[in-house]
Amino acid sequence: MNDMRITKKEVTIMLKNKSEKLQMFKVDYSVLKKKKIVNGFVMIKSVEDTDKIVKLAKLDISTKERVFIQDVKILKFKPFSS
């Protein structure tokens, strides 16, 4: 049975960029949380555009870690292949 659900992010990106395909990216980040540095990574689906990847990742990370977007530092990102 195929699961054909589409996430809210995918819909937003598809509406803005109808002809571009989404790819998975692994984004490494660092945040200062409660006076301690927290390193981690997130997996996001985005089009292959540096600015869009960084914006989506910062939004996801700030929500996940409960910090301000300005406190999120993107260390690196690369395409993820399964």
N, C-alpha and C. Protein backbone atom coordinates (compact mmCIF):
# COMPACT_ATOMS: atom_id res chain seq x y z
N MET A 1 0.84 -1.17 0.00
CA MET A 1 0.00 0.00 0.00
C MET A 1 0.88 1.24 0.00
N ASN A 2 0.68 2.13 -0.93
CA ASN A 2 1.47 3.35 -1.06
C ASN A 2 0.91 4.45 -0.19
N ASP A 3 1.78 5.14 0.53
CA ASP A 3 1.36 6.27 1.35
C ASP A 3 1.61 7.54 0.54
N MET A 4 0.56 8.18 0.08
CA MET A 4 0.67 9.33 -0.83
C MET A 4 0.41 10.65 -0.12
N ARG A 5 0.60 10.72 1.19
CA ARG A 5 0.38 11.97 1.91
C ARG A 5 1.46 12.97 1.58
N ILE A 6 1.09 14.22 1.51
CA ILE A 6 2.03 15.30 1.21
C ILE A 6 2.07 16.23 2.42
N THR A 7 3.27 16.60 2.84
CA THR A 7 3.40 17.47 4.00
C THR A 7 3.06 18.91 3.63
N LYS A 8 2.84 19.70 4.66
CA LYS A 8 2.49 21.11 4.47
C LYS A 8 3.62 21.86 3.77
N LYS A 9 4.87 21.54 4.12
CA LYS A 9 6.03 22.19 3.48
C LYS A 9 6.08 21.89 1.99
N GLU A 10 5.84 20.63 1.65
CA GLU A 10 5.87 20.24 0.24
C GLU A 10 4.82 20.99 -0.56
N VAL A 11 3.64 21.16 0.01
CA VAL A 11 2.57 21.87 -0.68
C VAL A 11 2.96 23.33 -0.89
N THR A 12 3.52 23.96 0.15
CA THR A 12 3.95 25.35 0.03
C THR A 12 4.99 25.52 -1.05
N ILE A 13 5.97 24.63 -1.07
CA ILE A 13 7.04 24.71 -2.07
C ILE A 13 6.48 24.43 -3.46
N MET A 14 5.60 23.45 -3.56
CA MET A 14 5.05 23.11 -4.87
C MET A 14 4.21 24.24 -5.44
N LEU A 15 3.49 24.95 -4.58
CA LEU A 15 2.68 26.06 -5.06
C LEU A 15 3.56 27.19 -5.57
N LYS A 16 4.67 27.43 -4.89
CA LYS A 16 5.56 28.52 -5.29
C LYS A 16 6.40 28.14 -6.50
N ASN A 17 6.80 26.89 -6.59
CA ASN A 17 7.69 26.42 -7.65
C ASN A 17 7.10 25.18 -8.29
N LYS A 18 6.18 25.34 -9.16
CA LYS A 18 5.45 24.21 -9.72
C LYS A 18 6.33 23.27 -10.53
N SER A 19 7.38 23.78 -11.18
CA SER A 19 8.18 22.93 -12.06
C SER A 19 9.41 22.32 -11.40
N GLU A 20 9.73 22.69 -10.15
CA GLU A 20 10.94 22.20 -9.51
C GLU A 20 10.66 20.96 -8.66
N LYS A 21 11.61 20.02 -8.67
CA LYS A 21 11.47 18.79 -7.90
C LYS A 21 12.07 18.97 -6.51
N LEU A 22 11.48 18.28 -5.55
CA LEU A 22 11.98 18.33 -4.18
C LEU A 22 13.05 17.26 -3.97
N GLN A 23 14.03 17.60 -3.14
CA GLN A 23 15.10 16.66 -2.78
C GLN A 23 15.23 16.64 -1.27
N MET A 24 15.77 15.56 -0.74
CA MET A 24 16.07 15.47 0.69
C MET A 24 17.46 16.03 0.95
N PHE A 25 17.58 16.81 2.02
CA PHE A 25 18.87 17.36 2.43
C PHE A 25 19.09 17.09 3.91
N LYS A 26 20.34 16.78 4.25
CA LYS A 26 20.74 16.66 5.64
C LYS A 26 21.42 17.98 6.01
N VAL A 27 20.89 18.66 7.03
CA VAL A 27 21.39 19.97 7.42
C VAL A 27 21.97 19.88 8.83
N ASP A 28 23.26 20.14 8.97
CA ASP A 28 23.92 20.17 10.27
C ASP A 28 23.82 21.58 10.83
N TYR A 29 23.55 21.68 12.14
CA TYR A 29 23.36 23.00 12.74
C TYR A 29 23.96 23.08 14.14
N SER A 30 24.05 24.30 14.62
CA SER A 30 24.51 24.58 15.97
C SER A 30 23.65 25.70 16.53
N VAL A 31 23.21 25.56 17.80
CA VAL A 31 22.45 26.62 18.46
C VAL A 31 22.96 26.80 19.88
N LEU A 32 22.79 27.99 20.40
CA LEU A 32 23.11 28.28 21.79
C LEU A 32 21.81 28.20 22.57
N LYS A 33 21.71 27.19 23.44
CA LYS A 33 20.47 26.96 24.18
C LYS A 33 20.79 26.82 25.66
N LYS A 34 20.24 27.70 26.45
CA LYS A 34 20.48 27.71 27.90
C LYS A 34 21.98 27.75 28.21
N LYS A 35 22.68 28.63 27.51
CA LYS A 35 24.12 28.87 27.68
C LYS A 35 24.98 27.66 27.36
N LYS A 36 24.45 26.74 26.56
CA LYS A 36 25.22 25.58 26.11
C LYS A 36 25.05 25.45 24.61
N ILE A 37 26.11 25.02 23.93
CA ILE A 37 26.05 24.82 22.48
C ILE A 37 25.45 23.45 22.20
N VAL A 38 24.43 23.44 21.37
CA VAL A 38 23.76 22.20 20.98
C VAL A 38 23.98 22.00 19.49
N ASN A 39 24.59 20.87 19.12
CA ASN A 39 24.79 20.52 17.73
C ASN A 39 23.81 19.42 17.35
N GLY A 40 23.40 19.43 16.09
CA GLY A 40 22.48 18.39 15.64
C GLY A 40 22.31 18.45 14.14
N PHE A 41 21.33 17.68 13.64
CA PHE A 41 21.02 17.73 12.22
C PHE A 41 19.53 17.50 12.03
N VAL A 42 19.01 18.00 10.93
CA VAL A 42 17.63 17.77 10.54
C VAL A 42 17.61 17.32 9.08
N MET A 43 16.56 16.61 8.73
CA MET A 43 16.35 16.21 7.34
C MET A 43 15.18 17.04 6.82
N ILE A 44 15.38 17.71 5.69
CA ILE A 44 14.31 18.51 5.11
C ILE A 44 14.16 18.19 3.63
N LYS A 45 12.97 18.44 3.12
CA LYS A 45 12.71 18.33 1.69
C LYS A 45 12.62 19.75 1.15
N SER A 46 13.40 20.01 0.10
CA SER A 46 13.42 21.34 -0.48
C SER A 46 13.88 21.26 -1.93
N VAL A 47 13.73 22.37 -2.61
CA VAL A 47 14.29 22.47 -3.95
C VAL A 47 15.78 22.74 -3.81
N GLU A 48 16.54 22.55 -4.86
CA GLU A 48 17.99 22.70 -4.78
C GLU A 48 18.37 24.18 -4.94
N ASP A 49 18.07 24.96 -3.92
CA ASP A 49 18.39 26.39 -3.88
C ASP A 49 18.91 26.70 -2.48
N THR A 50 20.13 27.18 -2.40
CA THR A 50 20.79 27.41 -1.12
C THR A 50 19.96 28.27 -0.17
N ASP A 51 19.44 29.39 -0.66
CA ASP A 51 18.67 30.29 0.20
C ASP A 51 17.42 29.61 0.76
N LYS A 52 16.72 28.87 -0.07
CA LYS A 52 15.50 28.20 0.37
C LYS A 52 15.80 27.10 1.38
N ILE A 53 16.88 26.38 1.16
CA ILE A 53 17.27 25.31 2.09
C ILE A 53 17.58 25.91 3.46
N VAL A 54 18.36 26.98 3.48
CA VAL A 54 18.75 27.62 4.74
C VAL A 54 17.53 28.18 5.46
N LYS A 55 16.62 28.84 4.74
CA LYS A 55 15.43 29.41 5.37
C LYS A 55 14.55 28.33 5.98
N LEU A 56 14.29 27.26 5.22
CA LEU A 56 13.46 26.17 5.74
C LEU A 56 14.12 25.49 6.93
N ALA A 57 15.42 25.27 6.84
CA ALA A 57 16.13 24.60 7.93
C ALA A 57 16.12 25.44 9.20
N LYS A 58 16.38 26.74 9.07
CA LYS A 58 16.36 27.61 10.25
C LYS A 58 15.00 27.63 10.91
N LEU A 59 13.94 27.66 10.11
CA LEU A 59 12.59 27.64 10.66
C LEU A 59 12.31 26.33 11.39
N ASP A 60 12.67 25.21 10.78
CA ASP A 60 12.46 23.90 11.42
C ASP A 60 13.26 23.77 12.71
N ILE A 61 14.52 24.19 12.66
CA ILE A 61 15.40 24.05 13.82
C ILE A 61 14.94 24.95 14.97
N SER A 62 14.59 26.19 14.66
CA SER A 62 14.15 27.10 15.72
C SER A 62 12.88 26.57 16.39
N THR A 63 12.01 25.95 15.62
CA THR A 63 10.79 25.36 16.19
C THR A 63 11.14 24.14 17.03
N LYS A 64 12.01 23.29 16.52
CA LYS A 64 12.39 22.06 17.22
C LYS A 64 13.13 22.35 18.52
N GLU A 65 14.09 23.27 18.47
CA GLU A 65 14.93 23.56 19.64
C GLU A 65 14.36 24.66 20.54
N ARG A 66 13.27 25.29 20.09
CA ARG A 66 12.63 26.38 20.83
C ARG A 66 13.59 27.54 21.10
N VAL A 67 14.22 28.00 20.03
CA VAL A 67 15.13 29.15 20.09
C VAL A 67 14.74 30.12 18.98
N PHE A 68 15.29 31.33 19.03
CA PHE A 68 15.04 32.31 17.99
C PHE A 68 15.78 31.92 16.71
N ILE A 69 15.22 32.28 15.58
CA ILE A 69 15.83 31.97 14.28
C ILE A 69 17.24 32.56 14.20
N GLN A 70 17.44 33.75 14.77
CA GLN A 70 18.74 34.41 14.73
C GLN A 70 19.82 33.60 15.46
N ASP A 71 19.41 32.74 16.40
CA ASP A 71 20.36 31.95 17.19
C ASP A 71 20.76 30.64 16.52
N VAL A 72 20.20 30.37 15.35
CA VAL A 72 20.49 29.12 14.64
C VAL A 72 21.62 29.37 13.64
N LYS A 73 22.64 28.54 13.70
CA LYS A 73 23.75 28.64 12.75
C LYS A 73 23.79 27.35 11.93
N ILE A 74 23.67 27.50 10.61
CA ILE A 74 23.74 26.34 9.71
C ILE A 74 25.22 26.06 9.44
N LEU A 75 25.68 24.87 9.81
CA LEU A 75 27.08 24.52 9.62
C LEU A 75 27.34 24.02 8.20
N LYS A 76 26.49 23.10 7.73
CA LYS A 76 26.62 22.61 6.35
C LYS A 76 25.34 21.85 6.00
N PHE A 77 25.15 21.67 4.71
CA PHE A 77 24.06 20.82 4.24
C PHE A 77 24.50 20.11 2.98
N LYS A 78 23.93 18.93 2.79
CA LYS A 78 24.27 18.15 1.59
C LYS A 78 23.06 17.31 1.21
N PRO A 79 22.96 16.99 -0.06
CA PRO A 79 21.86 16.13 -0.51
C PRO A 79 21.96 14.77 0.16
N PHE A 80 20.81 14.23 0.51
CA PHE A 80 20.75 12.93 1.19
C PHE A 80 20.20 11.91 0.21
N SER A 81 20.94 10.83 0.04
CA SER A 81 20.44 9.75 -0.83
C SER A 81 20.27 8.50 0.02
N SER A 82 19.14 7.86 -0.17
CA SER A 82 18.84 6.68 0.67
C SER A 82 19.32 5.40 0.05
